[in-house]
C-alpha cells in the first residue's frame, strides 16, 4: 500500500524554521495510523513544486498543515487545489489536516477566510456534532492541539459537519466515504506546538498566548483521533 503525503509545509527553498522537523513529525504520524500494515510512505514536497504525476500513485493521501493560506495567489497552491479536485473526482481516500482541511473546503466549493475571532492556539475542546460508525470510542467532546488563524467559513456542498464550536464552527468534515478533514493537529507533538506558539507570541494578544500555553496541561485526544482515522481509511 502506498501512502502519499502532500507536504505543504516546505514553503521556502532552504531547510530550517520548523520545516524539516515538521516533515518527520508528519511521517511518524502517518506511521501511527498504519502500525500493522506494510506501507510505503511517499512524501511530495508540493510547496517546492514536487507533485505526483497521477492520483493513482498512492492508495491513501494526506494533506499537511502549512503556514500559508489556501486563498493565496501562489502557483503551488493553485496546483494543489487542482490535485485535490482530482482526488475527489476519483474518490481517492484523503485526510486533510489544518491547511489540508481548509484546502479540501477551498477546492471543493467552500470558503476559507482569516477569522475575525483571532488565533486558535493551544489545546482546545470542541463538540462532536454528528457521530459516525467509525468513531469508536466516541464522546460528545474532544480536545486537540490547534494552531491557526484561517478557518472554513462555508463548507463545501454535501459535506457532513462532524465537529465544531463557537470559535470554529467547521472543525471536522466528511465528504462521501473517501474524504475526512480536521482543523486540529493530531500530528503535533507538544514540544513542536509550544515552539510554534512561542515563535508567534508577538503576533497575538498576550492573554491569547498565555491561555494557550496554560492549556497544554489539559488532555489531548490525538490518539483517539488517530484510531478514528485508522477506521475511516480502512473500513469505508
C-alpha atoms as a PDB file:
ATOM      1  CA  UNK A   1       0.000   0.000   0.000  1.00  0.00           C
ATOM      2  CA  UNK A   2       1.334   3.433  -0.955  1.00  0.00           C
ATOM      3  CA  UNK A   3       0.558   6.374   1.327  1.00  0.00           C
ATOM      4  CA  UNK A   4       1.109   9.826  -0.154  1.00  0.00           C
ATOM      5  CA  UNK A   5       1.941  12.881   1.972  1.00  0.00           C
ATOM      6  CA  UNK A   6       1.272  16.161   0.162  1.00  0.00           C
ATOM      7  CA  UNK A   7       3.602  18.245   2.332  1.00  0.00           C
ATOM      8  CA  UNK A   8       2.586  21.892   2.147  1.00  0.00           C
ATOM      9  CA  UNK A   9       4.882  22.956   4.983  1.00  0.00           C
ATOM     10  CA  UNK A  10       8.060  23.333   2.947  1.00  0.00           C
ATOM     11  CA  UNK A  11       7.351  26.836   1.779  1.00  0.00           C
ATOM     12  CA  UNK A  12      10.937  28.064   1.405  1.00  0.00           C
ATOM     13  CA  UNK A  13      13.832  26.836  -0.680  1.00  0.00           C
ATOM     14  CA  UNK A  14      16.076  26.385   2.361  1.00  0.00           C
ATOM     15  CA  UNK A  15      15.626  23.976   5.296  1.00  0.00           C
ATOM     16  CA  UNK A  16      15.109  25.078   8.875  1.00  0.00           C
ATOM     17  CA  UNK A  17      12.481  27.139  10.716  1.00  0.00           C
ATOM     18  CA  UNK A  18      10.494  24.027  11.682  1.00  0.00           C
ATOM     19  CA  UNK A  19      10.192  22.723   8.122  1.00  0.00           C
ATOM     20  CA  UNK A  20      12.365  19.614   8.335  1.00  0.00           C
ATOM     21  CA  UNK A  21      11.183  18.909  11.882  1.00  0.00           C
ATOM     22  CA  UNK A  22       7.547  19.000  10.804  1.00  0.00           C
ATOM     23  CA  UNK A  23       8.236  16.685   7.887  1.00  0.00           C
ATOM     24  CA  UNK A  24       9.473  13.950  10.224  1.00  0.00           C
ATOM     25  CA  UNK A  25       6.654  14.578  12.707  1.00  0.00           C
ATOM     26  CA  UNK A  26       4.079  14.066   9.957  1.00  0.00           C
ATOM     27  CA  UNK A  27       5.755  10.914   8.677  1.00  0.00           C
ATOM     28  CA  UNK A  28       5.681   9.468  12.218  1.00  0.00           C
ATOM     29  CA  UNK A  29       2.021  10.445  12.482  1.00  0.00           C
ATOM     30  CA  UNK A  30       1.186   8.578   9.262  1.00  0.00           C
ATOM     31  CA  UNK A  31       3.116   5.536  10.530  1.00  0.00           C
ATOM     32  CA  UNK A  32       0.971   5.614  13.686  1.00  0.00           C
ATOM     33  CA  UNK A  33      -2.169   5.463  11.527  1.00  0.00           C
ATOM     34  CA  UNK A  34      -0.874   2.295   9.806  1.00  0.00           C
ATOM     35  CA  UNK A  35       1.075   0.467  12.550  1.00  0.00           C
ATOM     36  CA  UNK A  36       0.259  -3.086  11.469  1.00  0.00           C
ATOM     37  CA  UNK A  37       0.432  -2.814   7.712  1.00  0.00           C
ATOM     38  CA  UNK A  38       3.290  -2.901   5.280  1.00  0.00           C
ATOM     39  CA  UNK A  39       3.150   0.577   3.837  1.00  0.00           C
ATOM     40  CA  UNK A  40       5.314   2.659   1.571  1.00  0.00           C
ATOM     41  CA  UNK A  41       5.171   6.326   2.580  1.00  0.00           C
ATOM     42  CA  UNK A  42       5.915   8.768  -0.220  1.00  0.00           C
ATOM     43  CA  UNK A  43       6.413  12.442   0.644  1.00  0.00           C
ATOM     44  CA  UNK A  44       5.718  15.041  -2.041  1.00  0.00           C
ATOM     45  CA  UNK A  45       7.037  18.483  -1.094  1.00  0.00           C
ATOM     46  CA  UNK A  46       4.288  20.259  -3.000  1.00  0.00           C
ATOM     47  CA  UNK A  47       5.238  23.726  -1.750  1.00  0.00           C
ATOM     48  CA  UNK A  48       8.529  23.251  -3.605  1.00  0.00           C
ATOM     49  CA  UNK A  49       6.720  22.115  -6.754  1.00  0.00           C
ATOM     50  CA  UNK A  50       7.156  18.371  -6.171  1.00  0.00           C
ATOM     51  CA  UNK A  51       3.781  16.953  -7.232  1.00  0.00           C
ATOM     52  CA  UNK A  52       2.589  13.434  -8.063  1.00  0.00           C
ATOM     53  CA  UNK A  53       2.059  12.706 -11.741  1.00  0.00           C
ATOM     54  CA  UNK A  54      -1.229  10.935 -11.016  1.00  0.00           C
ATOM     55  CA  UNK A  55      -3.755  10.429  -8.227  1.00  0.00           C
ATOM     56  CA  UNK A  56      -3.155   6.691  -8.731  1.00  0.00           C
ATOM     57  CA  UNK A  57       0.418   6.840  -7.438  1.00  0.00           C
ATOM     58  CA  UNK A  58      -0.882   6.279  -3.900  1.00  0.00           C
ATOM     59  CA  UNK A  59      -3.822   4.470  -2.323  1.00  0.00           C
ATOM     60  CA  UNK A  60      -4.395   6.956   0.502  1.00  0.00           C
ATOM     61  CA  UNK A  61      -3.429  10.623   0.625  1.00  0.00           C
ATOM     62  CA  UNK A  62      -2.738  13.159   3.384  1.00  0.00           C
ATOM     63  CA  UNK A  63      -2.504  16.952   3.056  1.00  0.00           C
ATOM     64  CA  UNK A  64      -0.434  18.532   5.827  1.00  0.00           C
ATOM     65  CA  UNK A  65      -0.594  21.778   7.696  1.00  0.00           C
ATOM     66  CA  UNK A  66       1.152  24.888   6.376  1.00  0.00           C
ATOM     67  CA  UNK A  67       1.941  28.479   7.416  1.00  0.00           C
ATOM     68  CA  UNK A  68       0.409  29.572   4.099  1.00  0.00           C
ATOM     69  CA  UNK A  69      -3.259  30.260   3.305  1.00  0.00           C
ATOM     70  CA  UNK A  70      -5.251  28.300   0.732  1.00  0.00           C
ATOM     71  CA  UNK A  71      -6.567  31.523  -0.835  1.00  0.00           C
ATOM     72  CA  UNK A  72      -3.100  32.954  -1.580  1.00  0.00           C
ATOM     73  CA  UNK A  73      -2.254  33.509  -5.238  1.00  0.00           C
ATOM     74  CA  UNK A  74       0.715  31.150  -5.335  1.00  0.00           C
ATOM     75  CA  UNK A  75       1.404  28.665  -8.142  1.00  0.00           C
ATOM     76  CA  UNK A  76       1.824  25.561  -5.966  1.00  0.00           C
ATOM     77  CA  UNK A  77      -1.384  26.355  -4.055  1.00  0.00           C
ATOM     78  CA  UNK A  78      -3.297  26.524  -7.335  1.00  0.00           C
ATOM     79  CA  UNK A  79      -1.706  23.213  -8.359  1.00  0.00           C
ATOM     80  CA  UNK A  80      -2.648  21.604  -5.040  1.00  0.00           C
ATOM     81  CA  UNK A  81      -6.207  22.899  -5.423  1.00  0.00           C
ATOM     82  CA  UNK A  82      -6.450  21.193  -8.823  1.00  0.00           C
ATOM     83  CA  UNK A  83      -4.929  17.974  -7.466  1.00  0.00           C
ATOM     84  CA  UNK A  84      -7.398  17.936  -4.567  1.00  0.00           C
ATOM     85  CA  UNK A  85     -10.255  18.242  -7.060  1.00  0.00           C
ATOM     86  CA  UNK A  86      -8.862  15.248  -8.960  1.00  0.00           C
ATOM     87  CA  UNK A  87      -8.576  13.182  -5.771  1.00  0.00           C
ATOM     88  CA  UNK A  88     -12.227  13.902  -5.042  1.00  0.00           C
ATOM     89  CA  UNK A  89     -13.343  13.159  -8.607  1.00  0.00           C
ATOM     90  CA  UNK A  90     -11.596   9.776  -8.409  1.00  0.00           C
ATOM     91  CA  UNK A  91     -12.916   9.109  -4.883  1.00  0.00           C
ATOM     92  CA  UNK A  92      -9.405   8.584  -3.523  1.00  0.00           C
ATOM     93  CA  UNK A  93      -9.074   8.290   0.229  1.00  0.00           C
ATOM     94  CA  UNK A  94      -7.910  11.680   1.543  1.00  0.00           C
ATOM     95  CA  UNK A  95      -7.232  13.037   5.028  1.00  0.00           C
ATOM     96  CA  UNK A  96      -6.701  16.790   5.430  1.00  0.00           C
ATOM     97  CA  UNK A  97      -5.064  18.358   8.494  1.00  0.00           C
ATOM     98  CA  UNK A  98      -5.418  22.104   9.291  1.00  0.00           C
ATOM     99  CA  UNK A  99      -4.266  23.684   5.976  1.00  0.00           C
ATOM    100  CA  UNK A 100      -5.252  20.353   4.408  1.00  0.00           C
ATOM    101  CA  UNK A 101      -8.724  20.643   5.954  1.00  0.00           C
ATOM    102  CA  UNK A 102      -9.027  24.156   4.571  1.00  0.00           C
ATOM    103  CA  UNK A 103      -7.714  23.029   1.166  1.00  0.00           C
ATOM    104  CA  UNK A 104     -10.458  20.401   0.907  1.00  0.00           C
ATOM    105  CA  UNK A 105     -13.097  23.060   1.590  1.00  0.00           C
ATOM    106  CA  UNK A 106     -11.462  25.608  -0.721  1.00  0.00           C
ATOM    107  CA  UNK A 107     -11.003  23.181  -3.624  1.00  0.00           C
ATOM    108  CA  UNK A 108     -14.451  21.628  -3.445  1.00  0.00           C
ATOM    109  CA  UNK A 109     -16.641  24.711  -3.305  1.00  0.00           C
ATOM    110  CA  UNK A 110     -16.433  26.039   0.241  1.00  0.00           C
ATOM    111  CA  UNK A 111     -14.835  29.227   1.538  1.00  0.00           C
ATOM    112  CA  UNK A 112     -11.862  29.834   3.841  1.00  0.00           C
ATOM    113  CA  UNK A 113     -11.106  33.187   5.488  1.00  0.00           C
ATOM    114  CA  UNK A 114      -8.861  34.622   8.173  1.00  0.00           C
ATOM    115  CA  UNK A 115     -11.027  34.532  11.272  1.00  0.00           C
ATOM    116  CA  UNK A 116     -12.174  37.723  12.950  1.00  0.00           C
ATOM    117  CA  UNK A 117     -12.004  35.770  16.217  1.00  0.00           C
ATOM    118  CA  UNK A 118      -8.215  35.711  16.076  1.00  0.00           C
ATOM    119  CA  UNK A 119      -5.814  32.864  16.759  1.00  0.00           C
ATOM    120  CA  UNK A 120      -6.969  29.369  17.632  1.00  0.00           C
ATOM    121  CA  UNK A 121      -3.980  28.023  19.558  1.00  0.00           C
ATOM    122  CA  UNK A 122      -3.166  25.541  22.289  1.00  0.00           C
ATOM    123  CA  UNK A 123      -5.271  22.566  23.325  1.00  0.00           C
ATOM    124  CA  UNK A 124      -8.932  23.345  22.736  1.00  0.00           C
ATOM    125  CA  UNK A 125     -12.073  21.353  23.494  1.00  0.00           C
ATOM    126  CA  UNK A 126     -14.849  21.127  20.902  1.00  0.00           C
ATOM    127  CA  UNK A 127     -18.143  19.336  20.336  1.00  0.00           C
ATOM    128  CA  UNK A 128     -18.829  16.216  18.281  1.00  0.00           C
ATOM    129  CA  UNK A 129     -21.980  17.214  16.416  1.00  0.00           C
ATOM    130  CA  UNK A 130     -22.653  14.146  14.253  1.00  0.00           C
ATOM    131  CA  UNK A 131     -21.380  10.700  15.238  1.00  0.00           C
ATOM    132  CA  UNK A 132     -20.290   8.154  12.627  1.00  0.00           C
ATOM    133  CA  UNK A 133     -19.860   4.381  12.844  1.00  0.00           C
ATOM    134  CA  UNK A 134     -16.058   4.654  12.634  1.00  0.00           C
ATOM    135  CA  UNK A 135     -15.972   6.981  15.653  1.00  0.00           C
ATOM    136  CA  UNK A 136     -15.190   4.406  18.321  1.00  0.00           C
ATOM    137  CA  UNK A 137     -14.725   5.096  21.114  1.00  0.00           C
ATOM    138  CA  UNK A 138     -16.715   8.341  20.977  1.00  0.00           C
ATOM    139  CA  UNK A 139     -17.802  11.008  23.419  1.00  0.00           C
ATOM    140  CA  UNK A 140     -19.671  14.275  22.960  1.00  0.00           C
ATOM    141  CA  UNK A 141     -16.478  16.287  23.288  1.00  0.00           C
ATOM    142  CA  UNK A 142     -12.875  16.028  22.139  1.00  0.00           C
ATOM    143  CA  UNK A 143      -9.676  18.026  22.682  1.00  0.00           C
ATOM    144  CA  UNK A 144      -6.817  18.610  20.225  1.00  0.00           C
ATOM    145  CA  UNK A 145      -3.898  20.947  19.647  1.00  0.00           C
ATOM    146  CA  UNK A 146      -4.776  23.883  17.394  1.00  0.00           C
ATOM    147  CA  UNK A 147      -2.589  26.421  15.598  1.00  0.00           C
ATOM    148  CA  UNK A 148      -4.444  28.557  13.062  1.00  0.00           C
ATOM    149  CA  UNK A 149      -5.861  31.909  12.047  1.00  0.00           C
ATOM    150  CA  UNK A 150      -7.720  30.791   8.921  1.00  0.00           C
ATOM    151  CA  UNK A 151     -10.979  28.877   9.227  1.00  0.00           C
ATOM    152  CA  UNK A 152     -13.538  27.219   6.998  1.00  0.00           C
ATOM    153  CA  UNK A 153     -16.414  29.707   6.943  1.00  0.00           C
ATOM    154  CA  UNK A 154     -18.549  27.930   4.337  1.00  0.00           C
ATOM    155  CA  UNK A 155     -18.202  24.141   3.973  1.00  0.00           C
ATOM    156  CA  UNK A 156     -18.229  22.514   0.532  1.00  0.00           C
ATOM    157  CA  UNK A 157     -21.524  21.128  -0.787  1.00  0.00           C
ATOM    158  CA  UNK A 158     -22.517  17.687   0.545  1.00  0.00           C
ATOM    159  CA  UNK A 159     -20.003  17.861   3.405  1.00  0.00           C
ATOM    160  CA  UNK A 160     -21.096  16.378   6.718  1.00  0.00           C
ATOM    161  CA  UNK A 161     -20.261  18.566   9.703  1.00  0.00           C
ATOM    162  CA  UNK A 162     -18.924  16.240  12.386  1.00  0.00           C
ATOM    163  CA  UNK A 163     -17.487  18.672  14.942  1.00  0.00           C
ATOM    164  CA  UNK A 164     -17.227  22.343  15.859  1.00  0.00           C
ATOM    165  CA  UNK A 165     -17.718  25.018  18.497  1.00  0.00           C
ATOM    166  CA  UNK A 166     -18.494  28.728  18.795  1.00  0.00           C
ATOM    167  CA  UNK A 167     -14.912  29.734  17.988  1.00  0.00           C
ATOM    168  CA  UNK A 168     -14.562  27.497  14.915  1.00  0.00           C
ATOM    169  CA  UNK A 169     -17.824  26.167  13.510  1.00  0.00           C
ATOM    170  CA  UNK A 170     -16.444  23.698  10.957  1.00  0.00           C
ATOM    171  CA  UNK A 171     -13.711  21.694  12.673  1.00  0.00           C
ATOM    172  CA  UNK A 172     -14.270  18.239  11.250  1.00  0.00           C
ATOM    173  CA  UNK A 173     -15.799  17.425   7.860  1.00  0.00           C
ATOM    174  CA  UNK A 174     -16.548  14.251   5.912  1.00  0.00           C
ATOM    175  CA  UNK A 175     -17.284  14.142   2.205  1.00  0.00           C
ATOM    176  CA  UNK A 176     -18.691  10.903   0.847  1.00  0.00           C
ATOM    177  CA  UNK A 177     -16.905   7.850   2.165  1.00  0.00           C
ATOM    178  CA  UNK A 178     -13.469   8.981   0.991  1.00  0.00           C
ATOM    179  CA  UNK A 179     -12.567  12.390   2.490  1.00  0.00           C
ATOM    180  CA  UNK A 180     -12.062  13.263   6.151  1.00  0.00           C
ATOM    181  CA  UNK A 181     -10.567  16.538   7.373  1.00  0.00           C
ATOM    182  CA  UNK A 182      -9.743  18.252  10.672  1.00  0.00           C
ATOM    183  CA  UNK A 183      -8.880  21.786  11.732  1.00  0.00           C
ATOM    184  CA  UNK A 184      -6.907  20.484  14.710  1.00  0.00           C
ATOM    185  CA  UNK A 185      -3.437  18.916  14.727  1.00  0.00           C
ATOM    186  CA  UNK A 186      -3.401  15.258  15.837  1.00  0.00           C
ATOM    187  CA  UNK A 187       0.127  15.000  14.412  1.00  0.00           C
ATOM    188  CA  UNK A 188       1.710  17.763  16.540  1.00  0.00           C
ATOM    189  CA  UNK A 189       3.976  16.854  19.422  1.00  0.00           C
ATOM    190  CA  UNK A 190       3.616  19.060  22.492  1.00  0.00           C
ATOM    191  CA  UNK A 191       7.167  20.375  22.023  1.00  0.00           C
ATOM    192  CA  UNK A 192       6.584  21.319  18.391  1.00  0.00           C
ATOM    193  CA  UNK A 193       3.278  23.013  19.243  1.00  0.00           C
ATOM    194  CA  UNK A 194       4.852  25.017  22.072  1.00  0.00           C
ATOM    195  CA  UNK A 195       7.794  26.040  19.878  1.00  0.00           C
ATOM    196  CA  UNK A 196       5.425  27.287  17.182  1.00  0.00           C
ATOM    197  CA  UNK A 197       3.318  29.101  19.774  1.00  0.00           C
ATOM    198  CA  UNK A 198       6.380  30.806  21.255  1.00  0.00           C
ATOM    199  CA  UNK A 199       7.602  31.838  17.803  1.00  0.00           C
ATOM    200  CA  UNK A 200       4.288  33.642  17.227  1.00  0.00           C
ATOM    201  CA  UNK A 201       3.953  35.219  20.677  1.00  0.00           C
ATOM    202  CA  UNK A 202       4.355  38.752  19.337  1.00  0.00           C
ATOM    203  CA  UNK A 203       1.639  38.185  16.709  1.00  0.00           C
ATOM    204  CA  UNK A 204      -1.210  37.627  19.165  1.00  0.00           C
ATOM    205  CA  UNK A 205      -2.631  39.225  22.331  1.00  0.00           C
ATOM    206  CA  UNK A 206      -0.724  38.258  25.469  1.00  0.00           C
ATOM    207  CA  UNK A 207      -3.899  36.789  27.000  1.00  0.00           C
ATOM    208  CA  UNK A 208      -4.373  34.514  23.971  1.00  0.00           C
ATOM    209  CA  UNK A 209      -0.763  33.363  24.197  1.00  0.00           C
ATOM    210  CA  UNK A 210      -0.897  32.708  27.955  1.00  0.00           C
ATOM    211  CA  UNK A 211      -4.209  30.838  27.772  1.00  0.00           C
ATOM    212  CA  UNK A 212      -2.796  28.652  25.010  1.00  0.00           C
ATOM    213  CA  UNK A 213       0.413  27.977  26.940  1.00  0.00           C
ATOM    214  CA  UNK A 214      -1.554  27.028  30.072  1.00  0.00           C
ATOM    215  CA  UNK A 215      -3.785  24.713  28.025  1.00  0.00           C
ATOM    216  CA  UNK A 216      -1.016  22.169  27.467  1.00  0.00           C
ATOM    217  CA  UNK A 217      -1.726  20.714  30.905  1.00  0.00           C
ATOM    218  CA  UNK A 218      -5.163  19.662  29.613  1.00  0.00           C
ATOM    219  CA  UNK A 219      -5.960  16.332  27.951  1.00  0.00           C
ATOM    220  CA  UNK A 220      -5.119  15.809  24.296  1.00  0.00           C
ATOM    221  CA  UNK A 221      -7.228  13.262  22.379  1.00  0.00           C
ATOM    222  CA  UNK A 222      -4.868  12.868  19.417  1.00  0.00           C
ATOM    223  CA  UNK A 223      -4.543   9.097  19.969  1.00  0.00           C
ATOM    224  CA  UNK A 224      -8.314   8.737  19.821  1.00  0.00           C
ATOM    225  CA  UNK A 225      -8.422  10.717  16.590  1.00  0.00           C
ATOM    226  CA  UNK A 226      -5.677   8.546  15.098  1.00  0.00           C
ATOM    227  CA  UNK A 227      -7.830   5.498  15.899  1.00  0.00           C
ATOM    228  CA  UNK A 228     -10.748   7.149  14.096  1.00  0.00           C
ATOM    229  CA  UNK A 229      -8.618   7.858  11.041  1.00  0.00           C
ATOM    230  CA  UNK A 230      -7.477   4.223  11.013  1.00  0.00           C
ATOM    231  CA  UNK A 231     -11.083   3.026  10.968  1.00  0.00           C
ATOM    232  CA  UNK A 232     -12.163   5.581   8.386  1.00  0.00           C
ATOM    233  CA  UNK A 233      -9.477   4.836   5.800  1.00  0.00           C
ATOM    234  CA  UNK A 234      -9.629   1.055   6.312  1.00  0.00           C
ATOM    235  CA  UNK A 235     -13.366   0.450   6.591  1.00  0.00           C
ATOM    236  CA  UNK A 236     -15.020   2.929   4.266  1.00  0.00           C
END
